[in-house]
Protein backbone atom coordinates (compact mmCIF):
# COMPACT_ATOMS: atom_id res chain seq x y z
CA MET A 1 -0.05 15.07 8.52
CA GLY A 2 -0.50 15.60 4.80
CA GLN A 3 1.47 14.73 1.67
CA GLY A 4 4.59 16.73 2.55
CA LYS A 5 6.74 18.37 -0.08
CA GLU A 6 9.74 17.56 -2.23
CA VAL A 7 12.86 19.56 -3.05
CA LYS A 8 14.94 18.95 -6.16
CA THR A 9 18.62 18.98 -5.20
CA ARG A 10 20.12 18.67 -8.69
CA PRO A 11 19.63 21.02 -11.67
CA ASP A 12 17.72 18.64 -13.90
CA PRO A 13 16.94 15.29 -12.32
CA LYS A 14 15.13 13.23 -14.92
CA VAL A 15 12.19 12.39 -12.70
CA GLU A 16 8.53 13.24 -13.15
CA ILE A 17 6.22 13.13 -10.14
CA GLN A 18 3.06 11.23 -11.03
CA GLU A 19 1.46 10.91 -7.61
CA LYS A 20 1.85 12.37 -4.10
CA GLY A 21 0.29 11.23 -0.89
CA GLU A 22 0.48 9.56 2.50
CA ILE A 23 1.78 6.05 3.19
CA PHE A 24 0.94 3.88 6.20
CA PHE A 25 2.50 0.55 7.22
CA PHE A 26 0.78 -2.12 9.35
CA TYR A 27 1.38 -5.69 10.47
CA ARG A 28 -0.99 -8.27 11.92
CA PRO A 29 0.00 -10.90 14.51
CA LYS A 30 -0.79 -14.51 13.71
CA VAL A 31 -4.24 -15.88 14.36
CA GLY A 32 -4.80 -16.62 18.05
CA LYS A 33 -1.84 -14.54 19.26
CA ASP A 34 -2.49 -11.62 21.58
CA GLU A 35 0.73 -9.88 20.59
CA ALA A 36 3.78 -10.05 18.34
CA ARG A 37 7.24 -10.09 19.89
CA GLY A 38 9.17 -10.67 16.69
CA PRO A 39 8.80 -11.27 12.95
CA ASP A 40 7.95 -14.96 13.47
CA ASP A 41 4.74 -13.84 15.20
CA VAL A 42 3.62 -11.78 12.17
CA GLN A 43 0.86 -13.10 9.89
CA ARG A 44 0.74 -10.27 7.34
CA MET A 45 2.24 -6.93 6.43
CA TYR A 46 0.15 -4.20 4.81
CA ILE A 47 0.86 -0.96 3.00
CA VAL A 48 -1.89 1.64 2.69
CA LEU A 49 -1.41 4.30 0.02
CA ARG A 50 -3.59 7.41 0.10
CA PRO A 51 -2.93 9.54 -3.02
CA GLU A 52 -3.80 13.21 -2.54
CA SER A 53 -2.48 14.89 -5.70
CA GLY A 54 -0.33 14.28 -8.74
CA ASP A 55 0.15 15.15 -12.39
CA ARG A 56 -3.61 14.57 -12.75
CA ALA A 57 -6.28 15.44 -10.20
CA VAL A 58 -8.56 12.68 -11.51
CA GLU A 59 -7.50 9.03 -11.41
CA GLU A 60 -9.30 5.94 -12.67
CA LYS A 61 -10.12 3.11 -10.29
CA GLN A 62 -12.11 -0.08 -10.51
CA ALA A 63 -15.89 0.15 -10.68
CA PRO A 64 -17.35 0.47 -7.15
CA ASP A 65 -19.44 -2.68 -7.64
CA SER A 66 -16.42 -4.89 -8.42
CA GLY A 67 -14.00 -6.81 -6.22
CA LYS A 68 -14.15 -6.78 -2.44
CA GLU A 69 -15.25 -3.17 -2.57
CA GLY A 70 -18.41 -4.15 -4.43
CA ARG A 71 -19.16 -7.20 -2.30
CA LYS A 72 -18.74 -5.22 0.91
CA HIS A 73 -21.05 -2.43 -0.20
CA HIS A 74 -23.59 -4.94 -1.52
CA HIS A 75 -23.75 -6.66 1.88
CA GLN A 76 -24.14 -3.29 3.58
CA ASP A 77 -27.01 -2.39 1.24
CA ASP A 78 -28.67 -5.74 1.94
CA GLY A 79 -28.41 -5.06 5.66
CA ASP A 80 -29.93 -1.62 5.26
CA ARG A 81 -32.83 -3.08 3.23
CA GLY A 82 -33.19 -6.16 5.44
CA GLY A 83 -33.02 -8.42 2.38
CA SER A 84 -30.64 -10.79 0.65
CA GLY A 85 -30.34 -8.94 -2.67
CA GLY A 86 -28.93 -10.33 -5.86
CA GLY A 87 -25.20 -9.82 -5.44
CA ALA A 88 -22.66 -7.30 -6.64
CA SER A 89 -22.02 -7.30 -10.35
CA THR A 90 -19.34 -9.69 -11.53
CA LYS A 91 -17.44 -10.21 -14.75
CA GLU A 92 -18.06 -13.87 -15.52
CA GLY A 93 -17.36 -14.82 -11.91
CA HIS A 94 -14.33 -12.57 -11.73
CA GLU A 95 -13.32 -11.61 -8.17
CA GLY A 96 -10.69 -8.97 -8.96
CA GLY A 97 -11.25 -5.31 -9.72
CA HIS A 98 -12.69 -4.42 -13.12
CA GLY A 99 -14.64 -1.67 -14.82
CA LYS A 100 -13.92 2.01 -14.33
CA GLU A 101 -14.79 4.93 -12.07
CA GLU A 102 -13.18 8.37 -11.99
CA VAL A 103 -12.11 9.81 -8.63
CA ASN A 104 -10.82 13.33 -7.97
CA ILE A 105 -8.10 12.51 -5.44
CA GLU A 106 -7.83 16.16 -4.38
CA GLU A 107 -11.48 16.16 -3.28
CA GLN A 108 -12.32 12.56 -2.37
CA PRO A 109 -10.43 9.88 -0.40
CA LEU A 110 -8.87 7.05 -2.39
CA LEU A 111 -7.16 4.26 -0.48
CA ARG A 112 -5.27 1.15 -1.59
CA LEU A 113 -4.53 -1.75 0.77
CA VAL A 114 -1.48 -3.71 -0.43
CA VAL A 115 -0.42 -7.08 1.02
CA MET A 116 3.30 -7.93 0.97
CA GLY A 117 3.87 -11.64 0.36
CA ARG A 118 7.11 -11.92 2.36
CA LYS A 119 5.66 -10.00 5.31
CA SER A 120 8.32 -7.32 4.89
CA LEU A 121 9.62 -4.70 2.48
CA PRO A 122 12.58 -5.60 0.25
CA ASP A 123 15.95 -5.82 1.94
CA PRO A 124 17.81 -2.63 0.91
CA ALA A 125 21.05 -4.63 0.72
CA LYS A 126 19.63 -6.95 -1.98
CA HIS A 127 18.91 -4.68 -4.93
CA SER A 128 18.15 -7.42 -7.44
CA ARG A 129 15.68 -9.44 -5.37
CA PRO A 130 12.00 -8.69 -6.13
CA TYR A 131 9.37 -8.86 -3.42
CA TRP A 132 5.88 -9.81 -4.56
CA GLY A 133 2.69 -8.20 -3.31
CA TYR A 134 -0.83 -7.50 -4.46
CA VAL A 135 -3.58 -4.94 -4.06
CA GLU A 136 -6.19 -6.48 -1.78
CA LEU A 137 -8.64 -3.59 -1.48
CA VAL A 138 -9.32 -0.31 -3.28
CA THR A 139 -11.95 2.01 -1.87
CA THR A 140 -13.10 5.58 -1.41
CA LYS A 141 -14.37 4.80 2.11
CA VAL A 142 -12.03 4.92 5.12
CA GLN A 143 -14.36 2.53 6.96
CA ASP A 144 -13.54 -0.23 4.45
CA ILE A 145 -9.86 -0.06 5.41
CA LYS A 146 -10.77 0.04 9.10
CA ASP A 147 -12.84 -3.11 8.65
CA ALA A 148 -9.90 -4.83 6.96
CA LEU A 149 -7.54 -3.94 9.84
CA LYS A 150 -9.78 -4.55 12.85
CA GLU A 151 -9.95 -7.59 15.13
CA GLU A 152 -12.33 -10.28 13.95
CA GLU A 153 -13.76 -13.51 15.32
CA TYR A 154 -14.86 -16.27 12.97
CA SER A 155 -15.83 -19.93 13.07
CA THR A 156 -14.09 -22.87 11.40
CA ALA A 157 -15.33 -26.43 10.92
CA THR A 158 -12.21 -28.02 12.43
CA GLN A 159 -10.98 -25.58 15.08
CA GLY A 160 -14.17 -23.86 16.18
CA GLN A 161 -14.10 -20.19 17.10
CA ARG A 162 -10.93 -18.34 16.04
CA ARG A 163 -9.77 -14.79 16.59
CA ARG A 164 -7.89 -12.69 14.08
CA PRO A 165 -6.08 -9.98 16.07
CA ALA A 166 -6.23 -6.33 15.09
CA ALA A 167 -3.45 -4.91 12.92
CA ARG A 168 -0.62 -2.88 14.48
CA ALA A 169 0.48 0.43 13.03
CA LEU A 170 4.14 0.29 12.00
CA GLY A 171 4.93 3.54 10.19
CA GLU A 172 3.49 6.72 8.73
CA GLY A 173 5.02 9.01 6.16
CA VAL A 174 4.82 10.68 2.78
CA TYR A 175 5.38 9.05 -0.61
CA ARG A 176 5.82 9.82 -4.28
CA ILE A 177 5.36 7.68 -7.37
CA LEU A 178 7.90 8.83 -9.95
CA ARG A 179 8.66 8.21 -13.59
CA HIS A 180 12.45 8.02 -13.92
CA GLU A 181 14.23 8.31 -17.27
CA PRO A 182 17.88 7.57 -16.55
CA GLY A 183 18.94 7.68 -20.19
CA GLY A 184 21.44 5.46 -21.93
CA ARG A 185 20.40 1.84 -22.32
CA ARG A 186 18.14 1.85 -19.29
CA SER A 187 14.43 2.06 -20.00
CA PRO A 188 12.12 4.47 -18.18
CA HIS A 189 10.80 2.94 -14.99
CA THR A 190 8.67 3.73 -11.97
CA HIS A 191 9.80 4.39 -8.40
CA LEU A 192 7.86 4.34 -5.17
CA VAL A 193 9.78 6.54 -2.73
CA TYR A 194 8.79 7.37 0.83
CA LYS A 195 10.00 9.08 3.98
CA LEU A 196 8.71 8.23 7.45
CA GLU A 197 7.36 10.83 9.84
CA LEU A 198 6.51 8.28 12.56
CA PRO A 199 8.11 6.74 14.56
CA THR A 200 9.83 10.01 15.42
CA ARG A 201 13.04 8.43 16.74
CA GLY A 202 14.05 6.48 13.68
CA ASP A 203 13.45 2.81 12.99
CA GLY A 204 12.67 0.65 16.03
CA GLU A 205 12.72 -3.12 16.42
CA PRO A 206 9.61 -3.97 14.36
CA GLN A 207 10.53 -1.45 11.67
CA GLU A 208 14.02 -2.91 11.37
CA ALA A 209 12.73 -6.49 11.33
CA MET A 210 10.38 -5.73 8.42
CA ASN A 211 12.82 -3.49 6.52
CA VAL A 212 10.78 -0.32 7.00
CA GLU A 213 13.67 2.15 6.70
CA PRO A 214 13.33 5.85 7.59
CA GLU A 215 13.34 6.48 3.84
CA ALA A 216 13.63 4.24 0.79
CA SER A 217 13.17 3.94 -2.95
CA PHE A 218 11.75 0.91 -4.77
CA LEU A 219 11.32 0.06 -8.41
CA VAL A 220 7.68 -0.91 -9.02
CA GLN A 221 6.74 -3.46 -11.66
CA VAL A 222 3.13 -4.50 -12.30
CA LYS A 223 2.42 -8.03 -13.48
CA ASN A 224 0.42 -8.51 -16.66
CA PRO A 225 -2.81 -10.27 -15.56
CA ASP A 226 -3.19 -11.69 -19.07
CA PRO A 227 0.41 -12.52 -20.00
CA PRO A 228 1.53 -13.89 -23.36
CA SER A 229 1.84 -17.66 -23.53
CA GLY A 230 5.22 -19.30 -23.05
CA GLY A 231 8.26 -18.01 -21.19
CA ARG A 232 8.83 -17.70 -17.49
CA GLY A 233 6.20 -16.47 -15.07
CA GLY A 234 8.48 -14.20 -13.07
CA GLY A 235 9.53 -16.69 -10.41
CA PHE A 236 6.24 -16.81 -8.47
CA ARG A 237 2.83 -18.32 -8.98
CA GLY A 238 0.84 -15.31 -7.86
CA LEU A 239 -2.92 -15.03 -7.55
CA GLN A 240 -5.47 -17.33 -9.13
CA SER A 241 -6.65 -15.98 -12.46
CA LYS A 242 -10.15 -15.20 -11.14
CA ARG A 243 -8.65 -13.00 -8.39
CA ARG A 244 -6.45 -10.96 -10.73
CA ALA A 245 -7.28 -7.47 -11.85
CA ALA A 246 -9.09 -7.07 -15.18
CA PHE A 247 -7.81 -3.73 -16.45
CA PRO A 248 -9.71 -1.62 -19.00
CA ALA A 249 -8.28 -1.92 -22.50
CA HIS A 250 -6.28 1.32 -22.37
CA LEU A 251 -4.52 0.23 -19.14
CA GLN A 252 -4.01 -3.35 -20.32
CA GLY A 253 -2.42 -1.85 -23.42
CA ALA A 254 0.43 -0.48 -21.28
CA PHE A 255 1.83 -4.03 -21.10
CA GLY A 256 1.95 -4.76 -24.80
CA SER A 257 3.52 -8.22 -25.05
CA ARG A 258 5.44 -7.83 -21.78
CA ARG A 259 4.87 -9.86 -18.64
CA PHE A 260 5.70 -6.86 -16.43
CA ALA A 261 5.45 -3.11 -16.93
CA PRO A 262 6.16 -0.01 -14.83
CA ALA A 263 3.28 1.27 -12.67
CA ASP A 264 2.69 3.97 -15.26
CA PRO A 265 0.12 5.36 -14.90
CA PRO A 266 -0.43 4.77 -11.15
CA ASP A 267 -4.08 4.02 -12.01
CA LEU A 268 -2.90 0.42 -12.48
CA LEU A 269 -2.68 0.20 -8.68
CA ASN A 270 -6.34 1.17 -8.34
CA TYR A 271 -7.56 -2.35 -9.17
CA GLU A 272 -7.92 -5.16 -6.65
CA GLY A 273 -5.89 -8.15 -7.74
CA CYS A 274 -3.15 -6.00 -9.27
CA GLU A 275 0.05 -7.95 -8.64
CA LEU A 276 3.28 -6.04 -8.24
CA LEU A 277 6.98 -6.43 -7.57
CA LEU A 278 8.97 -4.10 -5.35
CA ILE A 279 12.73 -4.08 -5.90
CA ALA A 280 15.02 -2.21 -3.53
CA ALA A 281 16.73 0.69 -5.30
CA SER A 282 18.18 2.87 -2.53
CA ASP A 283 17.77 3.99 1.08
CA ASP A 284 19.05 7.46 0.08
CA VAL A 285 16.43 9.03 -2.17
CA GLU A 286 18.29 12.31 -2.58
CA GLU A 287 21.51 10.67 -3.75
CA GLU A 288 19.71 8.35 -6.18
CA LEU A 289 17.09 10.64 -7.69
CA GLY A 290 18.11 14.21 -6.81
CA LEU A 291 14.93 14.58 -4.79
CA GLU A 292 14.53 15.15 -1.07
CA LEU A 293 11.22 14.44 0.63
CA GLU A 294 10.09 16.51 3.59
CA GLY A 295 7.23 15.58 5.89
CA GLU A 296 4.60 17.92 7.26
CA ALA A 297 5.62 17.55 10.92
CA GLU A 298 8.98 17.61 12.61
CA GLY A 299 9.58 16.66 16.23
CA GLU A 300 10.64 19.32 18.68
CA GLU A 301 13.64 18.97 20.89
CA GLY A 302 13.69 18.99 24.65
CA GLU A 303 10.60 16.94 25.61
CA GLY A 304 10.52 13.49 27.12
CA SER A 305 9.48 10.47 25.10
CA GLN A 306 5.97 10.45 26.53
CA GLY A 307 5.35 14.04 25.52
CA GLU A 308 6.82 13.37 22.10
CA GLU A 309 4.52 10.39 21.56
CA GLN A 310 1.46 12.36 22.66
CA ARG A 311 2.32 15.23 20.30
CA ALA A 312 2.90 12.80 17.42
CA ALA A 313 -0.40 11.05 18.08
CA GLY A 314 -2.19 14.38 18.05
CA CYS A 315 -1.07 15.26 14.51
CA SER A 316 -1.03 11.75 13.00
CA ASP A 317 -3.52 11.09 10.21
CA LEU A 318 -3.02 7.37 10.76
CA VAL A 319 -4.07 7.65 14.39
CA LYS A 320 -7.05 9.83 13.46
CA MET A 321 -8.27 7.45 10.76
CA PHE A 322 -7.33 4.02 12.11
CA GLY A 323 -6.37 4.46 15.78
CA GLU A 324 -9.65 3.06 17.04
CA VAL A 325 -9.12 -0.31 15.29
CA ALA A 326 -5.30 -0.64 15.08
CA ASP A 327 -2.82 -0.71 17.97
CA VAL A 328 -0.55 2.34 17.55
CA LYS A 329 2.13 1.47 20.14
CA PRO A 330 4.67 0.23 17.54
CA LEU A 331 4.05 3.43 15.51
CA LEU A 332 4.60 5.85 18.39
CA SER A 333 7.28 4.03 20.39
CA GLY A 334 9.11 2.00 17.76
CA SER A 335 8.72 -1.17 19.84
CA TRP A 336 6.81 -4.44 19.49
CA ASP A 337 3.43 -4.94 21.18
């Protein structure tokens, strides 16, 4: 559907758009379950961000031979060569993203897979409660995200063969990452704002259960992977140190001596193991920031629900990219499996 557009509704809202793109929401039922009928049946919630433009056409991401991205591509290369190879490059056994690669997001896909720890977005009624998540995968290959979302069977020593069900598509829309300078005593901070295009009939049962509102604004704070000693850790343990992102010096410098910093620049999110906090700011983006998001597609009146779902599926980028591996019923109908 594309990245949509934004309209400023106040003369001089103190916001600067840093990144524009598409946002997709997914959930995965628990291992061994054929379907999810409620939030208790959900194992994980994912957010996929696909930046398409911004204040810079070129963004920095982790080196392609680091993190899961590197391990995946190394295994693929081994399979192509029929050998075992020597392993993707590591940074002293480091499993998170590190190094640097430049990507022109206007010409090449860039995708981030984010895992939400509470299996939902922040409750819009609780503005001061942070929700922890982390970037699990960063890649320029759509197939890598498809592999992460698809059904998988695996063996365990204690329970034998197990099945991890395929992810379910929950929402599709447009997003912006903004720098907001409110003035006064408040420091500049970063917002992630989005507006759903699907489901077309507002939030359904799974969307409501996981706080995926038709539109919302969140403050985004990134955790310092190498925090100063002493003080509080932010109220959560987070990832093991070897799984955390290892940012290049110029990105690590954005933290200074702070434990958390705004996602500024958004390149910070282009590293696997980047830990972040989302804090509910508003479910009315226009009122809060003087900015109104508009999607690329609007539903037409007068057709039945089946025709509406078919039309939505036909123009959905989520369905085109991930429909063969993810169940799209919750996306198109707003209902559980």
